């Protein structure tokens, strides 16, 4: 007989007496006043229904709590395609709740279920579902904490079909609750991520102003103060170099935020690709000399200027070429190829360094991904921003790497791409 638990606020359920199960489990649970053939047919339907349930809920664990080991074995056989965990008392059940992450539904005798077990179950599984299975309603001290989690209460004895149907429904309820909870968590995480990005952007913006002042004074002292000692000049150059690196990181954060928000505008201008490549290489001359890397340039189709975003093109090349030099082997080489055409300009940067593993190459364009330890590592934003700039300008970027044989970065840009077109590409 189905009964309603006090204060449960929904139809609830409680199983058969241990003696009945011990006499003959299957018959006592499934016996109805029908001929044997009808009973066999019903059992076949129940078996089919149980198999269908398990296919849908294979990843959800079922915890059965009952003092009768025979009944627990029966439940294990009935739901054999699920991960079924059993316990004869509340203490064992609580250990299962704490140690088995896939549990979603608990089928329990309320008379052996403690308030501590219920609280632990709800705390560990806020989306978990409880089906009471016994011959008496739960004690108020147990029922109270369990109210929100309880789905039904089955009064023993109960037909096998009713038990299977109830567990099926409970698993369905758990799936819905779990989906809603995951969705709510995802929304909260997205909001936290948005607030974090906003805070980082504000901080980066505020840091940029004093950094520019520091760099300005360094330039003045190094260029217009003849009385600066050699040791003082060396310290100023170090301050200048460190400030420039920090300013690059700040600009990366601001650029990434602007890319994500769609706030970057495109300023097109007639641009010769050979000029941009040579300017980038000249700006990295100090690093190239220090690493003793040979840099080769090959330009084709540079007989005319192309309508491009020169600043962003230079930023992409600066990132790829500096990485090719920084992560190269001593006395290695870097090849830069650029090809111009009216509808598409293409670039290739090939280094002779150690290359990347397939796993590293797969993550190379993600934010905050760094593969080099120590001072060789940057902010982990350069390639992500390069990808954003390329896509903003209607192009694509790719990476080819073989461990021990260097990396080849290839990217394209479409001359004449306007801001509206670029935003549609990003979307």
Protein backbone atom coordinates (compact mmCIF):
# COMPACT_ATOMS: atom_id res chain seq x y z
CA UNK A 1 0.00 0.00 0.00
CA UNK A 2 1.36 3.44 -0.90
CA UNK A 3 1.39 6.00 1.89
CA UNK A 4 2.35 9.66 2.13
CA UNK A 5 5.20 10.62 4.43
CA UNK A 6 4.43 13.53 6.79
CA UNK A 7 5.94 16.77 5.54
CA UNK A 8 7.33 15.28 2.30
CA UNK A 9 5.21 17.53 0.09
CA UNK A 10 5.00 14.99 -2.79
CA UNK A 11 3.89 11.39 -3.41
CA UNK A 12 6.38 9.18 -1.59
CA UNK A 13 7.19 5.59 -1.37
CA UNK A 14 8.41 2.59 1.37
CA UNK A 15 9.85 -2.98 0.82
CA UNK A 16 8.48 -6.55 1.72
CA UNK A 17 8.99 -8.19 5.09
CA UNK A 18 12.29 -10.07 5.32
CA UNK A 19 10.38 -13.29 5.91
CA UNK A 20 8.52 -12.97 2.64
CA UNK A 21 11.72 -12.45 0.71
CA UNK A 22 13.32 -15.40 2.45
CA UNK A 23 10.43 -17.73 1.49
CA UNK A 24 10.73 -17.01 -2.16
CA UNK A 25 11.97 -13.62 -3.27
CA UNK A 26 10.72 -13.36 -6.80
CA UNK A 27 7.31 -14.93 -6.22
CA UNK A 28 6.58 -12.87 -3.11
CA UNK A 29 7.39 -9.65 -4.93
CA UNK A 30 5.70 -10.38 -8.27
CA UNK A 31 2.81 -12.69 -7.33
CA UNK A 32 -0.54 -11.53 -8.68
CA UNK A 33 -3.84 -13.38 -9.06
CA UNK A 34 -3.23 -14.43 -12.66
CA UNK A 35 -2.42 -17.68 -14.47
CA UNK A 36 1.20 -18.82 -14.60
CA UNK A 37 1.59 -17.75 -18.24
CA UNK A 38 0.49 -14.22 -17.37
CA UNK A 39 2.95 -14.12 -14.48
CA UNK A 40 5.78 -15.25 -16.78
CA UNK A 41 4.78 -12.63 -19.32
CA UNK A 42 4.74 -9.91 -16.65
CA UNK A 43 8.16 -11.00 -15.41
CA UNK A 44 9.51 -10.82 -18.97
CA UNK A 45 8.11 -7.30 -19.35
CA UNK A 46 9.62 -6.30 -16.01
CA UNK A 47 12.97 -7.72 -17.04
CA UNK A 48 12.87 -5.83 -20.33
CA UNK A 49 11.89 -2.62 -18.53
CA UNK A 50 14.74 -3.06 -16.03
CA UNK A 51 17.26 -3.55 -18.86
CA UNK A 52 16.00 -0.41 -20.62
CA UNK A 53 16.33 1.58 -17.39
CA UNK A 54 19.90 0.42 -16.87
CA UNK A 55 20.90 1.42 -20.40
CA UNK A 56 19.62 4.95 -19.76
CA UNK A 57 21.21 5.24 -16.33
CA UNK A 58 24.40 3.19 -16.63
CA UNK A 59 26.53 6.02 -15.23
CA UNK A 60 24.38 6.49 -12.08
CA UNK A 61 25.17 4.45 -8.98
CA UNK A 62 22.41 3.00 -6.75
CA UNK A 63 22.93 2.71 -2.99
CA UNK A 64 20.71 0.13 -1.24
CA UNK A 65 20.51 0.26 2.56
CA UNK A 66 18.66 -2.57 4.36
CA UNK A 67 19.39 -4.85 7.33
CA UNK A 68 18.35 -7.93 5.32
CA UNK A 69 21.33 -9.30 3.27
CA UNK A 70 18.96 -11.51 1.24
CA UNK A 71 16.96 -8.50 0.12
CA UNK A 72 20.17 -6.65 -0.76
CA UNK A 73 21.30 -9.56 -2.93
CA UNK A 74 17.91 -9.53 -4.61
CA UNK A 75 18.17 -5.81 -5.37
CA UNK A 76 21.66 -6.33 -6.79
CA UNK A 77 20.33 -9.02 -9.14
CA UNK A 78 17.31 -6.92 -10.13
CA UNK A 79 19.46 -3.91 -11.02
CA UNK A 80 22.52 -5.87 -12.14
CA UNK A 81 23.37 -3.47 -14.98
CA UNK A 82 23.70 -0.56 -12.58
CA UNK A 83 26.55 0.05 -10.18
CA UNK A 84 24.76 -1.14 -7.03
CA UNK A 85 26.32 -0.49 -3.60
CA UNK A 86 24.85 -2.17 -0.53
CA UNK A 87 25.00 -1.51 3.20
CA UNK A 88 23.28 -3.20 6.16
CA UNK A 89 23.51 -0.17 8.43
CA UNK A 90 23.84 3.62 8.32
CA UNK A 91 27.58 3.67 9.03
CA UNK A 92 28.40 1.44 6.04
CA UNK A 93 26.06 3.49 3.85
CA UNK A 94 27.72 6.75 4.87
CA UNK A 95 31.12 5.36 3.84
CA UNK A 96 29.71 4.46 0.42
CA UNK A 97 28.27 7.97 0.03
CA UNK A 98 31.65 9.48 0.85
CA UNK A 99 33.72 7.12 -1.34
CA UNK A 100 31.55 6.36 -4.40
CA UNK A 101 31.18 9.47 -6.59
CA UNK A 102 28.68 7.93 -9.03
CA UNK A 103 25.88 7.37 -6.48
CA UNK A 104 22.75 9.33 -7.38
CA UNK A 105 19.85 7.39 -5.83
CA UNK A 106 19.56 5.75 -2.40
CA UNK A 107 16.96 3.03 -1.79
CA UNK A 108 16.87 2.72 1.99
CA UNK A 109 14.89 1.27 4.88
CA UNK A 110 14.03 4.36 6.96
CA UNK A 111 14.27 2.38 10.19
CA UNK A 112 18.02 1.78 9.74
CA UNK A 113 18.72 5.19 8.23
CA UNK A 114 20.20 7.72 10.62
CA UNK A 115 19.88 11.47 10.39
CA UNK A 116 23.69 11.58 9.99
CA UNK A 117 23.42 9.40 6.86
CA UNK A 118 20.68 11.58 5.41
CA UNK A 119 22.63 14.77 6.11
CA UNK A 120 25.81 13.26 4.66
CA UNK A 121 23.92 12.08 1.57
CA UNK A 122 22.39 15.51 0.94
CA UNK A 123 25.62 17.36 1.66
CA UNK A 124 27.62 15.13 -0.68
CA UNK A 125 24.83 14.91 -3.29
CA UNK A 126 22.60 18.00 -3.24
CA UNK A 127 20.87 16.61 -6.34
CA UNK A 128 20.53 13.07 -4.91
CA UNK A 129 17.20 11.20 -4.64
CA UNK A 130 15.96 8.94 -1.81
CA UNK A 131 13.38 6.15 -2.11
CA UNK A 132 12.21 4.85 1.28
CA UNK A 133 11.65 1.09 1.25
CA UNK A 134 10.30 -0.43 4.45
CA UNK A 135 7.23 -1.35 6.45
CA UNK A 136 6.95 1.79 8.59
CA UNK A 137 7.28 5.50 7.81
CA UNK A 138 10.55 7.18 8.80
CA UNK A 139 11.14 8.69 12.20
CA UNK A 140 10.68 12.51 12.27
CA UNK A 141 14.39 12.99 13.08
CA UNK A 142 15.22 11.19 9.79
CA UNK A 143 12.32 12.50 7.76
CA UNK A 144 13.06 16.14 8.52
CA UNK A 145 16.53 16.45 6.92
CA UNK A 146 15.48 14.15 4.05
CA UNK A 147 12.39 16.07 2.96
CA UNK A 148 13.78 17.70 -0.17
CA UNK A 149 15.63 14.59 -1.34
CA UNK A 150 12.82 12.03 -0.83
CA UNK A 151 11.07 10.92 -4.00
CA UNK A 152 8.71 8.19 -2.76
CA UNK A 153 8.02 5.68 -0.01
CA UNK A 154 7.18 2.07 -0.88
CA UNK A 155 5.32 0.02 1.72
CA UNK A 156 6.50 -3.59 1.92
CA UNK A 157 5.50 -6.00 0.48
CA UNK A 158 5.70 -4.41 -2.95
CA UNK A 159 5.46 -5.82 -6.46
CA UNK A 160 8.67 -6.12 -8.43
CA UNK A 161 7.20 -4.10 -11.29
CA UNK A 162 6.29 -1.25 -8.96
CA UNK A 163 9.81 -1.25 -7.51
CA UNK A 164 11.44 -1.18 -10.96
CA UNK A 165 9.13 1.61 -12.08
CA UNK A 166 9.82 3.65 -8.96
CA UNK A 167 13.60 3.32 -9.30
CA UNK A 168 13.29 4.27 -12.98
CA UNK A 169 11.41 7.42 -12.04
CA UNK A 170 13.88 8.22 -9.25
CA UNK A 171 16.80 7.91 -11.67
CA UNK A 172 15.00 10.23 -14.07
CA UNK A 173 14.42 12.77 -11.29
CA UNK A 174 18.10 12.57 -10.36
CA UNK A 175 19.12 13.23 -13.96
CA UNK A 176 16.90 16.31 -14.11
CA UNK A 177 18.12 17.62 -10.76
CA UNK A 178 21.73 16.95 -11.70
CA UNK A 179 21.32 18.74 -15.03
CA UNK A 180 19.72 21.77 -13.36
CA UNK A 181 22.40 21.87 -10.67
CA UNK A 182 25.19 21.63 -13.26
CA UNK A 183 23.53 24.39 -15.27
CA UNK A 184 23.28 26.62 -12.19
CA UNK A 185 26.94 25.92 -11.37
CA UNK A 186 27.97 26.73 -14.94
CA UNK A 187 26.09 30.03 -14.74
CA UNK A 188 27.76 30.91 -11.45
CA UNK A 189 31.19 29.99 -12.84
CA UNK A 190 30.55 32.08 -15.96
CA UNK A 191 29.64 35.04 -13.77
CA UNK A 192 32.75 34.56 -11.63
CA UNK A 193 34.85 34.31 -14.81
CA UNK A 194 33.30 37.51 -16.13
CA UNK A 195 33.98 39.37 -12.89
CA UNK A 196 37.54 38.03 -12.81
CA UNK A 197 38.19 39.16 -16.39
CA UNK A 198 36.74 42.58 -15.59
CA UNK A 199 38.94 42.92 -12.51
CA UNK A 200 42.05 41.84 -14.42
CA UNK A 201 41.26 44.29 -17.21
CA UNK A 202 40.80 47.18 -14.76
CA UNK A 203 44.04 46.29 -12.97
CA UNK A 204 45.93 46.00 -16.27
CA UNK A 205 44.59 49.34 -17.43
CA UNK A 206 45.62 51.02 -14.17
CA UNK A 207 49.09 49.46 -14.27
CA UNK A 208 49.73 50.65 -17.82
CA UNK A 209 49.84 54.37 -16.97
CA UNK A 210 52.64 54.25 -14.33
CA UNK A 211 54.57 51.79 -16.50
CA UNK A 212 54.53 54.26 -19.36
CA UNK A 213 55.88 56.94 -16.99
CA UNK A 214 58.71 54.63 -15.86
CA UNK A 215 59.64 53.87 -19.47
CA UNK A 216 59.51 57.56 -20.35
CA UNK A 217 61.95 58.49 -17.58
CA UNK A 218 64.24 55.59 -18.56
CA UNK A 219 64.34 56.90 -22.12
CA UNK A 220 65.15 60.43 -20.90
CA UNK A 221 67.93 59.29 -18.57
CA UNK A 222 69.48 56.94 -21.10
CA UNK A 223 69.27 59.35 -24.02
CA UNK A 224 69.72 62.83 -22.58
CA UNK A 225 71.67 62.53 -19.31
CA UNK A 226 75.40 62.30 -20.09
CA UNK A 227 76.33 62.25 -16.40
CA UNK A 228 74.84 58.77 -15.80
CA UNK A 229 77.54 56.34 -14.70
CA UNK A 230 78.16 53.03 -16.47
CA UNK A 231 76.68 51.04 -13.57
CA UNK A 232 73.72 53.41 -13.42
CA UNK A 233 73.14 53.03 -17.16
CA UNK A 234 73.22 49.25 -16.79
CA UNK A 235 70.59 49.40 -14.04
CA UNK A 236 68.43 51.74 -16.11
CA UNK A 237 68.61 49.39 -19.08
CA UNK A 238 67.50 46.51 -16.88
CA UNK A 239 64.62 48.60 -15.52
CA UNK A 240 63.70 49.53 -19.08
CA UNK A 241 63.81 45.90 -20.32
CA UNK A 242 61.75 44.61 -17.39
CA UNK A 243 59.22 47.42 -17.78
CA UNK A 244 58.86 46.67 -21.48
CA UNK A 245 58.18 43.00 -20.74
CA UNK A 246 55.60 43.96 -18.14
CA UNK A 247 54.01 46.45 -20.52
CA UNK A 248 53.76 43.71 -23.16
CA UNK A 249 51.96 41.47 -20.67
CA UNK A 250 49.57 44.28 -19.71
CA UNK A 251 48.85 45.03 -23.37
CA UNK A 252 48.22 41.32 -23.97
CA UNK A 253 45.61 41.25 -21.20
CA UNK A 254 43.91 44.38 -22.56
CA UNK A 255 44.00 43.07 -26.13
CA UNK A 256 42.54 39.73 -25.10
CA UNK A 257 39.75 41.42 -23.14
CA UNK A 258 38.97 43.65 -26.12
CA UNK A 259 38.95 40.64 -28.46
CA UNK A 260 36.54 38.74 -26.22
CA UNK A 261 34.22 41.74 -25.90
CA UNK A 262 34.35 42.57 -29.62
CA UNK A 263 35.71 46.05 -28.92
CA UNK A 264 38.75 45.98 -31.23
CA UNK A 265 38.36 48.13 -34.30
CA UNK A 266 40.17 47.59 -37.58
CA UNK A 267 42.18 50.46 -39.04
CA UNK A 268 43.07 49.46 -42.61
CA UNK A 269 45.90 51.14 -44.49
CA UNK A 270 48.00 50.40 -47.60
CA UNK A 271 50.70 48.05 -46.31
CA UNK A 272 53.67 46.36 -47.92
CA UNK A 273 54.11 42.96 -46.32
CA UNK A 274 57.89 42.97 -46.85
CA UNK A 275 58.21 46.20 -44.85
CA UNK A 276 56.29 44.72 -41.91
CA UNK A 277 58.37 41.53 -41.89
CA UNK A 278 61.66 43.42 -41.96
CA UNK A 279 60.56 45.85 -39.24
CA UNK A 280 59.62 42.94 -36.96
CA UNK A 281 62.96 41.21 -37.54
CA UNK A 282 64.85 44.48 -36.91
CA UNK A 283 62.99 45.00 -33.62
CA UNK A 284 64.13 41.55 -32.48
CA UNK A 285 67.77 42.02 -33.54
CA UNK A 286 69.04 41.99 -29.95
CA UNK A 287 67.35 38.67 -29.15
CA UNK A 288 68.45 37.18 -32.49
CA UNK A 289 72.08 38.13 -31.84
CA UNK A 290 71.97 36.90 -28.26
CA UNK A 291 70.60 33.51 -29.31
CA UNK A 292 72.92 33.43 -32.36
CA UNK A 293 70.04 32.43 -34.59
CA UNK A 294 70.17 32.87 -38.36
CA UNK A 295 67.06 34.59 -39.67
CA UNK A 296 66.12 34.19 -43.36
CA UNK A 297 63.37 36.18 -45.10
CA UNK A 298 61.60 35.27 -48.35
CA UNK A 299 58.99 37.65 -49.79
CA UNK A 300 56.80 37.09 -52.88
CA UNK A 301 54.08 39.26 -54.40
CA UNK A 302 55.27 42.44 -52.67
CA UNK A 303 55.04 44.59 -55.80
CA UNK A 304 52.02 46.46 -54.44
CA UNK A 305 50.59 47.48 -51.03
CA UNK A 306 47.63 45.59 -49.59
CA UNK A 307 44.78 47.04 -47.54
CA UNK A 308 45.67 45.54 -44.15
CA UNK A 309 45.65 46.31 -40.41
CA UNK A 310 49.40 46.94 -40.16
CA UNK A 311 49.60 47.11 -36.34
CA UNK A 312 47.84 43.80 -35.76
CA UNK A 313 49.73 42.08 -38.58
CA UNK A 314 53.00 43.24 -36.98
CA UNK A 315 51.79 42.01 -33.55
CA UNK A 316 51.09 38.52 -34.91
CA UNK A 317 54.46 38.31 -36.66
CA UNK A 318 56.24 39.72 -33.58
CA UNK A 319 54.77 36.96 -31.43
CA UNK A 320 55.54 34.12 -33.84
CA UNK A 321 59.07 35.26 -34.72
CA UNK A 322 60.04 36.04 -31.11
CA UNK A 323 58.81 32.57 -30.06
CA UNK A 324 60.74 31.00 -32.94
CA UNK A 325 63.92 32.71 -31.73
CA UNK A 326 63.32 32.29 -28.00
CA UNK A 327 62.57 28.57 -28.13
CA UNK A 328 65.13 27.74 -30.79
CA UNK A 329 68.38 25.88 -30.26
CA UNK A 330 71.64 27.90 -30.14
CA UNK A 331 72.94 28.63 -33.66
CA UNK A 332 69.57 27.53 -35.04
CA UNK A 333 67.61 29.10 -37.87
CA UNK A 334 64.28 30.84 -38.45
CA UNK A 335 62.69 31.10 -41.90
CA UNK A 336 60.00 33.71 -42.54
CA UNK A 337 58.03 33.52 -45.78
CA UNK A 338 55.39 36.00 -46.91
CA UNK A 339 53.28 35.78 -50.06
CA UNK A 340 50.96 38.52 -51.26
CA UNK A 341 47.90 38.22 -53.50
CA UNK A 342 44.89 40.53 -54.01
CA UNK A 343 42.46 38.25 -52.19
CA UNK A 344 44.76 36.72 -49.54
CA UNK A 345 48.17 37.30 -47.98
CA UNK A 346 49.90 34.37 -46.30
CA UNK A 347 52.80 34.00 -43.91
CA UNK A 348 54.92 31.13 -42.60
CA UNK A 349 57.36 31.09 -39.67
CA UNK A 350 59.54 27.96 -39.43
CA UNK A 351 62.09 27.38 -36.67
CA UNK A 352 64.69 24.66 -36.07
CA UNK A 353 63.90 24.22 -32.37
CA UNK A 354 62.79 21.10 -30.46
CA UNK A 355 59.17 21.39 -31.57
CA UNK A 356 56.13 20.42 -29.52
CA UNK A 357 54.43 17.21 -28.52
CA UNK A 358 51.01 16.54 -30.10
CA UNK A 359 49.39 17.36 -26.75
CA UNK A 360 51.20 20.70 -26.54
CA UNK A 361 50.34 21.57 -30.15
CA UNK A 362 46.67 20.88 -29.47
CA UNK A 363 46.65 23.39 -26.61
CA UNK A 364 49.03 25.96 -28.11
CA UNK A 365 46.38 28.57 -28.96
CA UNK A 366 44.56 28.36 -25.61
CA UNK A 367 44.78 31.17 -23.07
CA UNK A 368 47.39 31.04 -20.31
CA UNK A 369 49.09 27.93 -21.73
CA UNK A 370 52.86 27.96 -21.12
CA UNK A 371 55.24 25.15 -22.01
CA UNK A 372 58.60 26.71 -21.11
CA UNK A 373 59.69 26.84 -17.45
CA UNK A 374 61.27 29.83 -15.73
CA UNK A 375 62.23 33.04 -17.44
CA UNK A 376 61.67 31.65 -20.94
CA UNK A 377 57.92 31.44 -20.24
CA UNK A 378 55.68 34.41 -20.97
CA UNK A 379 52.13 35.14 -19.93
CA UNK A 380 50.71 32.33 -22.06
CA UNK A 381 48.53 34.81 -23.99
CA UNK A 382 50.63 35.54 -27.10
CA UNK A 383 49.35 32.76 -29.36
CA UNK A 384 45.77 33.17 -28.17
CA UNK A 385 45.90 36.86 -29.08
CA UNK A 386 47.64 36.11 -32.40
CA UNK A 387 44.81 33.70 -33.26
CA UNK A 388 42.25 36.34 -32.30
CA UNK A 389 43.91 39.01 -34.47
CA UNK A 390 44.17 36.66 -37.45
CA UNK A 391 40.51 35.69 -37.21
CA UNK A 392 39.57 39.33 -36.69
CA UNK A 393 41.20 40.06 -40.05
CA UNK A 394 39.37 37.26 -41.84
CA UNK A 395 42.19 34.72 -41.84
CA UNK A 396 43.19 31.41 -40.31
CA UNK A 397 46.22 30.25 -38.32
CA UNK A 398 47.63 26.74 -37.95
CA UNK A 399 50.53 24.90 -36.39
CA UNK A 400 52.55 22.00 -37.74
CA UNK A 401 55.13 20.41 -35.48
CA UNK A 402 57.25 17.29 -35.25
CA UNK A 403 59.11 16.62 -32.04
CA UNK A 404 62.76 17.48 -32.59
CA UNK A 405 62.15 19.16 -35.97
CA UNK A 406 60.82 22.56 -34.98
CA UNK A 407 57.45 24.23 -35.53
CA UNK A 408 55.84 25.77 -38.59
CA UNK A 409 53.18 28.44 -37.96
CA UNK A 410 51.11 29.45 -40.96
CA UNK A 411 48.52 32.21 -41.07
CA UNK A 412 46.58 34.20 -43.63
CA UNK A 413 44.78 37.56 -43.74
CA UNK A 414 42.25 38.96 -46.21
CA UNK A 415 43.04 42.42 -47.57
CA UNK A 416 40.17 44.86 -47.17
CA UNK A 417 38.34 43.07 -44.36
CA UNK A 418 36.23 45.58 -42.43
CA UNK A 419 35.17 45.62 -38.77
CA UNK A 420 31.66 44.30 -39.45
CA UNK A 421 32.98 41.39 -41.51
CA UNK A 422 35.59 40.61 -38.83
CA UNK A 423 33.02 40.46 -36.03
CA UNK A 424 30.90 38.02 -38.04
CA UNK A 425 34.01 35.82 -38.46
CA UNK A 426 34.60 35.84 -34.69
CA UNK A 427 30.99 34.95 -33.92
